[in-house]
Every structure is written in C-alpha cells, then in structure tokens.
Amino acid sequence: MGRGKIVIRRIDNSTSRQVTFSKRRSGLLKKARELSILCDAEVGVIIFSSTGKLYDYASTSMNSVIERYNKLKEEQNQLMNPASEIKDQILTDEIKELNRKGNLTYQENLKLHKKVDLLCQENAELRKKAWEERDASEANKSSHPPYTLSNGYDLHGPIHLQLSQPQPHSNEPPPKSMKLGLQLQ
C-alpha cells in the first residue's frame, strides 16, 4: 500500500523533524552508494544538519570529487567564455556607437548655441539701431510744428523679434492670416 503525497515544508515538531532527517539522510546516502556502484559514477554527497553536524559520502575520496568538480566547472566557464565574449563585444560596440552619436549630438548642440548667440547679438544691434533712429526722429519731431496729425502709432518704435518653435505640417489649408512672430511695441 502506497503513501499519499505530503506537503514539502518545514516540520514544526523538532523530534519528528530529527527522525525524518535521519531517515531521509540514510536513504539519500544509500541511493548515492547504489548510483556509484550500478553506473560506475564518481559520486560525492555532503550534508550538514540543522545543528551543523557533517555527513558525507564519496565513491572515491571527497577531495578527488571536489577537485574534479572544480576542474570541470573551470572548463565549462572557459567554454562559455566565447559566447560571453561575443555578447561583451556586441555590448562594447553598441556603447561605442552610442558614444559616437552622443558626441555628434553634442557638437551639433554647440553649433546651435553659437547660432543662437549670434542671433542674440544681431537682435541687440538691431534694437540699438532702432532706439538710435527713434531718438533721432523724436529730435526731428520737436522741430516740426505742433499742428501735425498722427494716427496713434509710433512708426519708429523698437521692433522685438522672437524665435518660435516650428509647427507640425498638416493637410489643412493655411489660415487666412498668418502670425509671423513680429511684434511692434
């Protein structure tokens, strides 16, 4: 008669836990011994109890099993390296490409900053000229007779230019009046 499935979790009762550990440990070591004899395999099992006690089994010697394990683990790591070297090379190439693109973007950004600075200087010069012309025209106005007519607009006032972001193109017809971004003040 077979046993039902048990839930694999920690056994709360310490006595039952110790009995189960002892039985399962002996069963595991017995299976390891049988595996080494039946299949001519080199087997090593190391078990530490919850109290820290060591139990082990080795078909040859535990040192030779551990040395063989470490040697094969090293060889596997070396065999895995070409794949990891290829993945590393791909990542390195991608990083170099991103750095190159970043440098190009940085250079373009510097050029744009220089253009903006140049436009600001030109704007300042135009503003200065506009003020000079306004001052000159005001001096001329004072020499005109006081009975001249005016439409209320200062035609010689400074002109402020502002750059605006480009607007996305659409298939709609352009509005009847377009704002050019110039303001008279």
N, C-alpha and C. Protein backbone atom coordinates (compact mmCIF):
# COMPACT_ATOMS: atom_id res chain seq x y z
N MET A 1 0.84 -1.17 0.00
CA MET A 1 0.00 0.00 0.00
C MET A 1 0.88 1.24 0.00
N GLY A 2 0.60 2.18 -0.95
CA GLY A 2 1.43 3.38 -1.10
C GLY A 2 0.99 4.48 -0.16
N ARG A 3 1.89 5.40 0.01
CA ARG A 3 1.57 6.54 0.86
C ARG A 3 1.06 7.68 0.00
N GLY A 4 0.29 8.55 0.60
CA GLY A 4 -0.20 9.74 -0.10
C GLY A 4 0.89 10.79 -0.17
N LYS A 5 0.64 11.80 -0.98
CA LYS A 5 1.61 12.90 -1.11
C LYS A 5 1.62 13.71 0.17
N ILE A 6 2.81 14.17 0.52
CA ILE A 6 2.92 15.06 1.68
C ILE A 6 3.32 16.44 1.19
N VAL A 7 2.96 17.42 1.96
CA VAL A 7 3.34 18.80 1.64
C VAL A 7 4.79 18.99 2.05
N ILE A 8 5.60 19.48 1.11
CA ILE A 8 7.02 19.71 1.41
C ILE A 8 7.16 21.09 2.04
N ARG A 9 7.32 21.06 3.34
CA ARG A 9 7.55 22.28 4.12
C ARG A 9 8.24 21.87 5.41
N ARG A 10 8.73 22.84 6.14
CA ARG A 10 9.46 22.56 7.38
C ARG A 10 8.55 21.87 8.39
N ILE A 11 9.09 20.82 9.01
CA ILE A 11 8.34 20.10 10.04
C ILE A 11 8.48 20.87 11.34
N ASP A 12 7.35 21.22 11.95
CA ASP A 12 7.37 22.05 13.16
C ASP A 12 7.87 21.30 14.39
N ASN A 13 7.46 20.06 14.57
CA ASN A 13 7.85 19.26 15.74
C ASN A 13 9.31 18.86 15.59
N SER A 14 10.15 19.27 16.54
CA SER A 14 11.60 19.04 16.42
C SER A 14 11.94 17.55 16.46
N THR A 15 11.24 16.75 17.24
CA THR A 15 11.51 15.31 17.31
C THR A 15 11.18 14.66 15.97
N SER A 16 10.01 14.98 15.42
CA SER A 16 9.63 14.42 14.12
C SER A 16 10.59 14.89 13.03
N ARG A 17 11.03 16.14 13.13
CA ARG A 17 11.96 16.69 12.15
C ARG A 17 13.29 15.94 12.19
N GLN A 18 13.78 15.62 13.40
CA GLN A 18 15.06 14.90 13.54
C GLN A 18 14.93 13.47 13.02
N VAL A 19 13.81 12.81 13.28
CA VAL A 19 13.58 11.44 12.80
C VAL A 19 13.54 11.43 11.28
N THR A 20 12.80 12.38 10.69
CA THR A 20 12.69 12.47 9.23
C THR A 20 14.06 12.76 8.62
N PHE A 21 14.84 13.67 9.22
CA PHE A 21 16.17 13.98 8.71
C PHE A 21 17.03 12.73 8.69
N SER A 22 17.03 11.97 9.78
CA SER A 22 17.85 10.78 9.89
C SER A 22 17.46 9.74 8.83
N LYS A 23 16.15 9.50 8.67
CA LYS A 23 15.69 8.51 7.69
C LYS A 23 16.02 8.95 6.26
N ARG A 24 15.73 10.18 5.94
CA ARG A 24 15.96 10.66 4.57
C ARG A 24 17.45 10.78 4.26
N ARG A 25 18.24 11.15 5.26
CA ARG A 25 19.70 11.22 5.06
C ARG A 25 20.24 9.83 4.73
N SER A 26 19.82 8.81 5.50
CA SER A 26 20.30 7.45 5.21
C SER A 26 19.83 6.98 3.86
N GLY A 27 18.58 7.34 3.47
CA GLY A 27 18.07 6.95 2.15
C GLY A 27 18.87 7.63 1.03
N LEU A 28 19.20 8.90 1.22
CA LEU A 28 19.96 9.64 0.22
C LEU A 28 21.37 9.07 0.07
N LEU A 29 22.02 8.78 1.19
CA LEU A 29 23.37 8.21 1.13
C LEU A 29 23.34 6.81 0.51
N LYS A 30 22.29 6.02 0.79
CA LYS A 30 22.14 4.69 0.20
C LYS A 30 21.99 4.81 -1.32
N LYS A 31 21.16 5.78 -1.78
CA LYS A 31 20.96 5.99 -3.22
C LYS A 31 22.28 6.42 -3.88
N ALA A 32 23.06 7.27 -3.22
CA ALA A 32 24.33 7.71 -3.77
C ALA A 32 25.28 6.52 -3.92
N ARG A 33 25.32 5.65 -2.91
CA ARG A 33 26.17 4.45 -2.97
C ARG A 33 25.74 3.53 -4.12
N GLU A 34 24.43 3.31 -4.24
CA GLU A 34 23.90 2.45 -5.31
C GLU A 34 24.21 3.04 -6.69
N LEU A 35 24.06 4.34 -6.83
CA LEU A 35 24.33 5.02 -8.11
C LEU A 35 25.79 4.84 -8.51
N SER A 36 26.70 4.99 -7.56
CA SER A 36 28.12 4.86 -7.88
C SER A 36 28.47 3.42 -8.28
N ILE A 37 27.86 2.43 -7.64
CA ILE A 37 28.16 1.03 -7.95
C ILE A 37 27.50 0.61 -9.26
N LEU A 38 26.21 0.88 -9.40
CA LEU A 38 25.46 0.43 -10.58
C LEU A 38 25.93 1.11 -11.87
N CYS A 39 26.25 2.39 -11.80
CA CYS A 39 26.55 3.17 -13.02
C CYS A 39 28.02 3.51 -13.15
N ASP A 40 28.85 3.01 -12.26
CA ASP A 40 30.28 3.31 -12.28
C ASP A 40 30.50 4.82 -12.33
N ALA A 41 29.76 5.56 -11.49
CA ALA A 41 29.85 7.01 -11.45
C ALA A 41 30.64 7.44 -10.22
N GLU A 42 31.32 8.56 -10.37
CA GLU A 42 32.02 9.12 -9.21
C GLU A 42 31.04 10.05 -8.51
N VAL A 43 30.65 9.70 -7.28
CA VAL A 43 29.59 10.41 -6.57
C VAL A 43 30.14 10.97 -5.27
N GLY A 44 29.71 12.17 -4.96
CA GLY A 44 30.05 12.79 -3.68
C GLY A 44 28.84 13.52 -3.15
N VAL A 45 28.50 13.26 -1.88
CA VAL A 45 27.35 13.91 -1.25
C VAL A 45 27.83 14.51 0.06
N ILE A 46 27.46 15.79 0.28
CA ILE A 46 27.79 16.47 1.54
C ILE A 46 26.49 16.97 2.14
N ILE A 47 26.26 16.65 3.43
CA ILE A 47 25.04 17.07 4.11
C ILE A 47 25.43 17.69 5.46
N PHE A 48 24.86 18.86 5.74
CA PHE A 48 25.01 19.49 7.04
C PHE A 48 23.65 19.49 7.72
N SER A 49 23.60 19.01 8.95
CA SER A 49 22.33 19.01 9.68
C SER A 49 22.04 20.42 10.19
N SER A 50 20.85 20.62 10.72
CA SER A 50 20.48 21.94 11.25
C SER A 50 21.33 22.29 12.47
N THR A 51 21.92 21.29 13.09
CA THR A 51 22.79 21.56 14.24
C THR A 51 24.24 21.77 13.80
N GLY A 52 24.51 21.61 12.48
CA GLY A 52 25.85 21.87 11.96
C GLY A 52 26.69 20.61 11.84
N LYS A 53 26.11 19.44 12.10
CA LYS A 53 26.87 18.21 12.00
C LYS A 53 27.02 17.82 10.53
N LEU A 54 28.23 17.30 10.15
CA LEU A 54 28.55 16.98 8.77
C LEU A 54 28.34 15.49 8.52
N TYR A 55 27.67 15.18 7.40
CA TYR A 55 27.52 13.81 6.91
C TYR A 55 27.94 13.84 5.45
N ASP A 56 28.77 12.87 5.04
CA ASP A 56 29.19 12.85 3.65
C ASP A 56 29.39 11.43 3.15
N TYR A 57 29.38 11.33 1.83
CA TYR A 57 29.67 10.06 1.17
C TYR A 57 30.41 10.40 -0.11
N ALA A 58 31.45 9.63 -0.41
CA ALA A 58 32.18 9.78 -1.66
C ALA A 58 32.54 8.40 -2.16
N SER A 59 32.32 8.15 -3.44
CA SER A 59 32.63 6.84 -4.01
C SER A 59 34.13 6.62 -4.08
N THR A 60 34.91 7.69 -4.24
CA THR A 60 36.38 7.60 -4.18
C THR A 60 36.78 8.35 -2.91
N SER A 61 37.41 9.50 -3.07
CA SER A 61 37.66 10.36 -1.90
C SER A 61 36.98 11.69 -2.15
N MET A 62 36.56 12.30 -1.08
CA MET A 62 35.84 13.57 -1.22
C MET A 62 36.73 14.63 -1.88
N ASN A 63 38.04 14.65 -1.57
CA ASN A 63 38.95 15.61 -2.20
C ASN A 63 39.01 15.43 -3.70
N SER A 64 39.09 14.18 -4.18
CA SER A 64 39.17 13.97 -5.63
C SER A 64 37.85 14.35 -6.30
N VAL A 65 36.72 14.11 -5.63
CA VAL A 65 35.42 14.50 -6.19
C VAL A 65 35.35 16.02 -6.30
N ILE A 66 35.76 16.73 -5.25
CA ILE A 66 35.72 18.20 -5.25
C ILE A 66 36.70 18.76 -6.27
N GLU A 67 37.92 18.20 -6.38
CA GLU A 67 38.88 18.67 -7.37
C GLU A 67 38.35 18.47 -8.79
N ARG A 68 37.75 17.30 -9.03
CA ARG A 68 37.19 17.03 -10.35
C ARG A 68 36.05 18.02 -10.66
N TYR A 69 35.23 18.28 -9.66
CA TYR A 69 34.12 19.23 -9.82
C TYR A 69 34.66 20.62 -10.19
N ASN A 70 35.64 21.10 -9.43
CA ASN A 70 36.21 22.42 -9.68
C ASN A 70 36.87 22.50 -11.06
N LYS A 71 37.59 21.42 -11.45
CA LYS A 71 38.26 21.40 -12.75
C LYS A 71 37.23 21.47 -13.88
N LEU A 72 36.18 20.69 -13.79
CA LEU A 72 35.15 20.70 -14.83
C LEU A 72 34.38 22.02 -14.84
N LYS A 73 34.16 22.58 -13.68
CA LYS A 73 33.47 23.87 -13.60
C LYS A 73 34.29 24.95 -14.30
N GLU A 74 35.63 24.93 -14.09
CA GLU A 74 36.52 25.88 -14.76
C GLU A 74 36.47 25.71 -16.27
N GLU A 75 36.52 24.45 -16.73
CA GLU A 75 36.47 24.18 -18.17
C GLU A 75 35.15 24.66 -18.77
N GLN A 76 34.06 24.46 -18.05
CA GLN A 76 32.76 24.92 -18.54
C GLN A 76 32.73 26.44 -18.64
N ASN A 77 33.32 27.10 -17.68
CA ASN A 77 33.38 28.57 -17.73
C ASN A 77 34.20 29.03 -18.92
N GLN A 78 35.31 28.32 -19.22
CA GLN A 78 36.12 28.68 -20.38
C GLN A 78 35.37 28.42 -21.67
N LEU A 79 34.59 27.32 -21.71
CA LEU A 79 33.80 27.04 -22.91
C LEU A 79 32.69 28.06 -23.09
N MET A 80 32.17 28.56 -21.98
CA MET A 80 31.10 29.56 -22.05
C MET A 80 31.64 30.94 -22.41
N ASN A 81 32.94 31.16 -22.20
CA ASN A 81 33.52 32.47 -22.45
C ASN A 81 33.38 32.96 -23.88
N PRO A 82 33.61 32.12 -24.92
CA PRO A 82 33.45 32.67 -26.27
C PRO A 82 32.09 33.30 -26.50
N ALA A 83 31.06 32.65 -26.00
CA ALA A 83 29.72 33.23 -26.16
C ALA A 83 29.62 34.53 -25.38
N SER A 84 30.16 34.52 -24.17
CA SER A 84 30.09 35.75 -23.38
C SER A 84 31.00 36.83 -23.96
N GLU A 85 32.14 36.41 -24.59
CA GLU A 85 33.00 37.39 -25.24
C GLU A 85 32.29 38.03 -26.42
N ILE A 86 31.52 37.20 -27.18
CA ILE A 86 30.76 37.74 -28.31
C ILE A 86 29.72 38.72 -27.80
N LYS A 87 28.98 38.32 -26.69
CA LYS A 87 27.97 39.23 -26.13
C LYS A 87 28.62 40.49 -25.62
N ASP A 88 29.84 40.34 -24.98
CA ASP A 88 30.57 41.50 -24.48
C ASP A 88 30.98 42.40 -25.64
N GLN A 89 31.44 41.80 -26.74
CA GLN A 89 31.87 42.57 -27.90
C GLN A 89 30.68 43.34 -28.49
N ILE A 90 29.53 42.69 -28.56
CA ILE A 90 28.33 43.37 -29.08
C ILE A 90 27.99 44.56 -28.20
N LEU A 91 28.02 44.37 -26.89
CA LEU A 91 27.72 45.47 -25.98
C LEU A 91 28.75 46.59 -26.09
N THR A 92 30.02 46.22 -26.21
CA THR A 92 31.07 47.22 -26.35
C THR A 92 30.87 48.03 -27.63
N ASP A 93 30.55 47.32 -28.73
CA ASP A 93 30.31 48.02 -30.00
C ASP A 93 29.12 48.96 -29.89
N GLU A 94 28.06 48.50 -29.23
CA GLU A 94 26.88 49.36 -29.06
C GLU A 94 27.21 50.59 -28.22
N ILE A 95 28.00 50.39 -27.18
CA ILE A 95 28.39 51.51 -26.31
C ILE A 95 29.23 52.52 -27.11
N LYS A 96 30.16 52.01 -27.94
CA LYS A 96 30.97 52.91 -28.76
C LYS A 96 30.09 53.70 -29.73
N GLU A 97 29.12 53.02 -30.35
CA GLU A 97 28.24 53.68 -31.30
C GLU A 97 27.41 54.76 -30.61
N LEU A 98 26.89 54.44 -29.42
CA LEU A 98 26.11 55.43 -28.67
C LEU A 98 26.98 56.61 -28.25
N ASN A 99 28.22 56.35 -27.87
CA ASN A 99 29.14 57.45 -27.52
C ASN A 99 29.42 58.33 -28.73
N ARG A 100 29.60 57.70 -29.92
CA ARG A 100 29.84 58.46 -31.14
C ARG A 100 28.65 59.35 -31.46
N LYS A 101 27.44 58.77 -31.37
CA LYS A 101 26.23 59.54 -31.63
C LYS A 101 26.07 60.66 -30.60
N GLY A 102 26.41 60.37 -29.36
CA GLY A 102 26.35 61.40 -28.32
C GLY A 102 27.29 62.55 -28.60
N ASN A 103 28.51 62.23 -29.07
CA ASN A 103 29.48 63.28 -29.41
C ASN A 103 28.98 64.12 -30.58
N LEU A 104 28.40 63.46 -31.60
CA LEU A 104 27.85 64.20 -32.73
C LEU A 104 26.74 65.14 -32.28
N THR A 105 25.87 64.63 -31.41
CA THR A 105 24.77 65.46 -30.89
C THR A 105 25.33 66.63 -30.10
N TYR A 106 26.36 66.39 -29.32
CA TYR A 106 27.00 67.44 -28.54
C TYR A 106 27.58 68.52 -29.46
N GLN A 107 28.28 68.09 -30.52
CA GLN A 107 28.86 69.04 -31.47
C GLN A 107 27.77 69.87 -32.15
N GLU A 108 26.68 69.20 -32.55
CA GLU A 108 25.56 69.91 -33.17
C GLU A 108 24.94 70.90 -32.20
N ASN A 109 24.84 70.50 -30.95
CA ASN A 109 24.30 71.38 -29.92
C ASN A 109 25.17 72.62 -29.75
N LEU A 110 26.50 72.43 -29.77
CA LEU A 110 27.41 73.58 -29.67
C LEU A 110 27.21 74.54 -30.84
N LYS A 111 27.08 73.98 -32.06
CA LYS A 111 26.87 74.83 -33.24
C LYS A 111 25.57 75.62 -33.11
N LEU A 112 24.51 74.95 -32.64
CA LEU A 112 23.23 75.63 -32.47
C LEU A 112 23.32 76.74 -31.42
N HIS A 113 24.06 76.48 -30.34
CA HIS A 113 24.25 77.52 -29.32
C HIS A 113 24.98 78.73 -29.90
N LYS A 114 25.98 78.47 -30.74
CA LYS A 114 26.70 79.58 -31.37
C LYS A 114 25.77 80.39 -32.26
N LYS A 115 24.90 79.69 -33.02
CA LYS A 115 23.96 80.39 -33.89
C LYS A 115 23.00 81.24 -33.06
N VAL A 116 22.50 80.68 -31.95
CA VAL A 116 21.58 81.43 -31.09
C VAL A 116 22.28 82.65 -30.52
N ASP A 117 23.53 82.49 -30.09
CA ASP A 117 24.29 83.63 -29.57
C ASP A 117 24.46 84.71 -30.64
N LEU A 118 24.76 84.28 -31.87
CA LEU A 118 24.92 85.23 -32.97
C LEU A 118 23.61 85.97 -33.22
N LEU A 119 22.48 85.25 -33.23
CA LEU A 119 21.18 85.89 -33.43
C LEU A 119 20.87 86.87 -32.30
N CYS A 120 21.23 86.51 -31.07
CA CYS A 120 21.01 87.43 -29.94
C CYS A 120 21.83 88.71 -30.12
N GLN A 121 23.08 88.57 -30.58
CA GLN A 121 23.92 89.74 -30.81
C GLN A 121 23.32 90.62 -31.91
N GLU A 122 22.87 89.97 -33.00
CA GLU A 122 22.26 90.73 -34.09
C GLU A 122 21.00 91.45 -33.61
N ASN A 123 20.20 90.75 -32.81
CA ASN A 123 18.98 91.34 -32.26
C ASN A 123 19.32 92.56 -31.40
N ALA A 124 20.37 92.44 -30.58
CA ALA A 124 20.77 93.57 -29.73
C ALA A 124 21.23 94.75 -30.58
N GLU A 125 21.98 94.46 -31.65
CA GLU A 125 22.44 95.53 -32.53
C GLU A 125 21.25 96.20 -33.22
N LEU A 126 20.28 95.39 -33.71
CA LEU A 126 19.10 95.96 -34.35
C LEU A 126 18.29 96.81 -33.36
N ARG A 127 18.17 96.33 -32.14
CA ARG A 127 17.46 97.08 -31.11
C ARG A 127 18.15 98.41 -30.84
N LYS A 128 19.50 98.36 -30.78
CA LYS A 128 20.26 99.58 -30.54
C LYS A 128 20.04 100.58 -31.67
N LYS A 129 20.09 100.09 -32.94
CA LYS A 129 19.87 100.97 -34.09
C LYS A 129 18.46 101.55 -34.06
N ALA A 130 17.48 100.71 -33.71
CA ALA A 130 16.10 101.19 -33.67
C ALA A 130 15.94 102.29 -32.64
N TRP A 131 16.57 102.14 -31.48
CA TRP A 131 16.50 103.19 -30.45
C TRP A 131 17.18 104.46 -30.91
N GLU A 132 18.32 104.29 -31.59
CA GLU A 132 19.02 105.47 -32.09
C GLU A 132 18.16 106.22 -33.10
N GLU A 133 17.52 105.46 -34.01
CA GLU A 133 16.65 106.09 -35.01
C GLU A 133 15.46 106.75 -34.34
N ARG A 134 14.93 106.12 -33.30
CA ARG A 134 13.78 106.70 -32.59
C ARG A 134 14.18 108.01 -31.93
N ASP A 135 15.34 107.98 -31.29
CA ASP A 135 15.81 109.22 -30.65
C ASP A 135 16.01 110.32 -31.68
N ALA A 136 16.56 109.95 -32.86
CA ALA A 136 16.77 110.94 -33.91
C ALA A 136 15.44 111.46 -34.43
N SER A 137 14.45 110.57 -34.59
CA SER A 137 13.15 111.02 -35.10
C SER A 137 12.42 111.88 -34.06
N GLU A 138 12.61 111.58 -32.77
CA GLU A 138 11.99 112.42 -31.74
C GLU A 138 12.60 113.82 -31.75
N ALA A 139 13.90 113.86 -32.05
CA ALA A 139 14.56 115.17 -32.15
C ALA A 139 13.99 115.93 -33.34
N ASN A 140 13.70 115.21 -34.44
CA ASN A 140 13.10 115.85 -35.62
C ASN A 140 11.67 116.26 -35.33
N LYS A 141 10.94 115.48 -34.54
CA LYS A 141 9.56 115.81 -34.21
C LYS A 141 9.49 117.12 -33.46
N SER A 142 10.43 117.33 -32.60
CA SER A 142 10.39 118.56 -31.82
C SER A 142 10.58 119.78 -32.72
N SER A 143 11.22 119.59 -33.90
CA SER A 143 11.39 120.71 -34.83
C SER A 143 10.16 120.88 -35.72
N HIS A 144 9.26 119.89 -35.81
CA HIS A 144 8.03 120.01 -36.60
C HIS A 144 7.02 120.90 -35.88
N PRO A 145 6.13 121.50 -36.63
CA PRO A 145 5.13 122.35 -35.98
C PRO A 145 4.18 121.49 -35.15
N PRO A 146 3.60 122.03 -34.12
CA PRO A 146 2.76 121.27 -33.21
C PRO A 146 1.41 120.88 -33.80
N TYR A 147 1.06 121.37 -34.99
CA TYR A 147 -0.27 121.08 -35.53
C TYR A 147 -0.25 119.90 -36.51
N THR A 148 0.76 118.97 -36.44
CA THR A 148 0.78 117.80 -37.31
C THR A 148 -0.19 116.76 -36.80
N LEU A 149 -0.69 115.93 -37.72
CA LEU A 149 -1.64 114.88 -37.37
C LEU A 149 -0.89 113.56 -37.15
N SER A 150 -1.44 112.72 -36.31
CA SER A 150 -0.81 111.44 -36.02
C SER A 150 -1.90 110.37 -35.97
N ASN A 151 -1.56 109.15 -36.38
CA ASN A 151 -2.56 108.08 -36.34
C ASN A 151 -2.47 107.26 -35.04
N GLY A 152 -1.63 107.65 -34.13
CA GLY A 152 -1.54 106.98 -32.83
C GLY A 152 -0.50 105.87 -32.77
N TYR A 153 0.12 105.55 -33.89
CA TYR A 153 1.14 104.50 -33.90
C TYR A 153 2.51 105.13 -33.97
N ASP A 154 3.42 104.58 -33.21
CA ASP A 154 4.81 105.05 -33.26
C ASP A 154 5.52 104.22 -34.31
N LEU A 155 5.74 104.83 -35.48
CA LEU A 155 6.35 104.10 -36.58
C LEU A 155 7.84 103.91 -36.39
N HIS A 156 8.43 104.60 -35.47
CA HIS A 156 9.86 104.49 -35.26
C HIS A 156 10.20 103.79 -33.94
N GLY A 157 9.25 103.09 -33.40
CA GLY A 157 9.48 102.39 -32.14
C GLY A 157 10.32 101.13 -32.35
N PRO A 158 10.84 100.55 -31.28
CA PRO A 158 11.69 99.35 -31.41
C PRO A 158 10.86 98.14 -31.86
N ILE A 159 11.46 97.31 -32.60
CA ILE A 159 10.82 96.08 -33.08
C ILE A 159 11.45 94.93 -32.32
N HIS A 160 10.62 94.12 -31.67
CA HIS A 160 11.12 92.96 -30.92
C HIS A 160 10.86 91.71 -31.74
N LEU A 161 11.92 90.99 -32.05
CA LEU A 161 11.79 89.75 -32.81
C LEU A 161 11.91 88.58 -31.84
N GLN A 162 11.07 87.57 -32.04
CA GLN A 162 11.14 86.37 -31.20
C GLN A 162 11.15 85.15 -32.10
N LEU A 163 11.99 84.18 -31.75
CA LEU A 163 12.00 82.91 -32.47
C LEU A 163 10.91 82.04 -31.89
N SER A 164 10.22 81.31 -32.75
CA SER A 164 9.20 80.39 -32.26
C SER A 164 9.49 79.00 -32.78
N GLN A 165 8.98 77.99 -32.08
CA GLN A 165 9.18 76.60 -32.46
C GLN A 165 8.46 76.32 -33.78
N PRO A 166 9.05 75.48 -34.64
CA PRO A 166 8.36 75.13 -35.88
C PRO A 166 7.09 74.36 -35.57
N GLN A 167 6.05 74.62 -36.33
CA GLN A 167 4.77 73.96 -36.13
C GLN A 167 4.68 72.75 -37.06
N PRO A 168 4.03 71.66 -36.62
CA PRO A 168 3.91 70.49 -37.49
C PRO A 168 3.05 70.80 -38.70
N HIS A 169 3.42 70.23 -39.85
CA HIS A 169 2.68 70.43 -41.08
C HIS A 169 1.43 69.59 -41.07
N SER A 170 0.35 70.09 -41.64
CA SER A 170 -0.88 69.32 -41.76
C SER A 170 -1.43 69.53 -43.15
N ASN A 171 -2.41 68.75 -43.52
CA ASN A 171 -3.00 68.84 -44.85
C ASN A 171 -4.08 69.91 -44.94
N GLU A 172 -4.35 70.59 -43.84
CA GLU A 172 -5.38 71.62 -43.83
C GLU A 172 -4.85 72.86 -44.55
N PRO A 173 -5.74 73.63 -45.21
CA PRO A 173 -5.28 74.86 -45.86
C PRO A 173 -4.83 75.86 -44.81
N PRO A 174 -3.85 76.70 -45.13
CA PRO A 174 -3.37 77.66 -44.13
C PRO A 174 -4.45 78.67 -43.78
N PRO A 175 -4.45 79.17 -42.56
CA PRO A 175 -5.43 80.17 -42.16
C PRO A 175 -5.26 81.43 -43.00
N LYS A 176 -6.31 82.25 -43.01
CA LYS A 176 -6.29 83.45 -43.87
C LYS A 176 -5.19 84.41 -43.45
N SER A 177 -5.02 84.60 -42.17
CA SER A 177 -3.94 85.49 -41.73
C SER A 177 -2.92 84.65 -40.97
N MET A 178 -1.67 84.87 -41.23
CA MET A 178 -0.63 84.11 -40.57
C MET A 178 0.13 85.03 -39.62
N LYS A 179 0.40 84.55 -38.43
CA LYS A 179 1.17 85.32 -37.46
C LYS A 179 2.65 85.01 -37.71
N LEU A 180 3.43 86.05 -37.97
CA LEU A 180 4.82 85.86 -38.32
C LEU A 180 5.74 85.93 -37.11
N GLY A 181 5.23 86.24 -35.96
CA GLY A 181 6.07 86.29 -34.76
C GLY A 181 6.71 87.64 -34.56
N LEU A 182 6.36 88.68 -35.31
CA LEU A 182 6.90 90.03 -35.12
C LEU A 182 5.94 90.82 -34.28
N GLN A 183 6.46 91.59 -33.39
CA GLN A 183 5.59 92.41 -32.55
C GLN A 183 6.12 93.84 -32.59
N LEU A 184 5.23 94.76 -32.77
CA LEU A 184 5.61 96.17 -32.71
C LEU A 184 5.20 96.71 -31.35
N GLN A 185 6.08 97.39 -30.73
CA GLN A 185 5.75 97.95 -29.41
C GLN A 185 6.13 99.42 -29.36
